[in-house]
């Protein structure tokens, strides 16, 4: 499963995307734990939203191989 990264998540991971074995990420929450386990700096983010097919998703959302998944970091502006 391909996971797109943006902002600080791209900097932490070091790439615009991340390949996640589909058998490891059955739900958004499991995906979140997988990413944090591989990249511990992600846990320091005050919030980390995950979008599935261009919509924010809750941790219990089931993922399938064809989903477009994105890590959305906290955003600040002025």
Protein backbone atom coordinates (compact mmCIF):
# COMPACT_ATOMS: atom_id res chain seq x y z
CA UNK A 1 0.00 0.00 0.00
CA UNK A 2 1.37 3.40 -0.95
CA UNK A 3 1.02 6.16 1.65
CA UNK A 4 1.59 9.76 0.56
CA UNK A 5 3.43 12.15 2.89
CA UNK A 6 3.23 15.93 3.19
CA UNK A 7 4.98 18.68 5.14
CA UNK A 8 6.91 17.52 8.19
CA UNK A 9 5.84 13.90 7.63
CA UNK A 10 7.73 13.98 4.32
CA UNK A 11 10.78 15.38 6.11
CA UNK A 12 10.68 12.73 8.85
CA UNK A 13 10.21 9.83 6.44
CA UNK A 14 12.57 11.28 3.85
CA UNK A 15 10.32 10.60 0.90
CA UNK A 16 7.08 11.75 -0.75
CA UNK A 17 5.60 8.33 -0.16
CA UNK A 18 5.97 5.24 1.97
CA UNK A 19 5.33 1.63 0.99
CA UNK A 20 3.47 -0.28 3.70
CA UNK A 21 2.88 -4.02 3.41
CA UNK A 22 -0.89 -4.29 3.06
CA UNK A 23 -1.08 -7.13 5.56
CA UNK A 24 0.27 -4.81 8.30
CA UNK A 25 -2.27 -2.05 7.95
CA UNK A 26 -5.80 -3.35 8.23
CA UNK A 27 -7.18 -0.15 9.81
CA UNK A 28 -6.09 3.47 9.94
CA UNK A 29 -5.14 3.01 13.61
CA UNK A 30 -2.91 0.05 12.78
CA UNK A 31 -1.33 2.06 9.98
CA UNK A 32 -0.69 4.93 12.44
CA UNK A 33 1.04 2.52 14.87
CA UNK A 34 3.12 1.01 12.07
CA UNK A 35 4.33 4.42 10.90
CA UNK A 36 5.18 5.50 14.47
CA UNK A 37 7.06 2.25 15.09
CA UNK A 38 9.15 2.76 11.93
CA UNK A 39 9.60 6.54 12.42
CA UNK A 40 9.46 7.36 16.18
CA UNK A 41 9.72 11.13 15.51
CA UNK A 42 6.17 10.95 14.15
CA UNK A 43 4.89 10.44 17.69
CA UNK A 44 6.09 13.95 18.60
CA UNK A 45 3.63 15.57 16.21
CA UNK A 46 0.78 17.22 18.12
CA UNK A 47 -1.69 15.77 15.68
CA UNK A 48 -1.46 13.53 12.67
CA UNK A 49 -4.50 13.17 10.49
CA UNK A 50 -4.79 10.35 8.01
CA UNK A 51 -6.87 10.76 4.90
CA UNK A 52 -8.24 7.84 2.90
CA UNK A 53 -9.43 8.56 -0.62
CA UNK A 54 -9.22 12.31 0.04
CA UNK A 55 -11.37 12.23 3.20
CA UNK A 56 -10.19 12.35 6.81
CA UNK A 57 -10.53 8.92 8.39
CA UNK A 58 -10.99 7.66 11.93
CA UNK A 59 -8.70 4.97 13.39
CA UNK A 60 -11.32 2.24 12.92
CA UNK A 61 -11.61 2.78 9.14
CA UNK A 62 -10.68 -0.43 7.29
CA UNK A 63 -8.09 -0.07 4.54
CA UNK A 64 -7.91 -1.91 1.25
CA UNK A 65 -4.98 -2.14 -1.18
CA UNK A 66 -6.51 0.30 -3.70
CA UNK A 67 -7.09 3.10 -1.14
CA UNK A 68 -5.21 6.36 -1.59
CA UNK A 69 -3.82 7.10 1.88
CA UNK A 70 -2.12 10.33 2.99
CA UNK A 71 -0.43 11.45 6.22
CA UNK A 72 -1.56 15.00 6.99
CA UNK A 73 0.63 16.81 9.54
CA UNK A 74 -0.47 19.68 11.78
CA UNK A 75 -0.76 22.90 9.81
CA UNK A 76 0.04 26.38 11.02
CA UNK A 77 -0.54 29.63 9.25
CA UNK A 78 -0.64 33.29 9.75
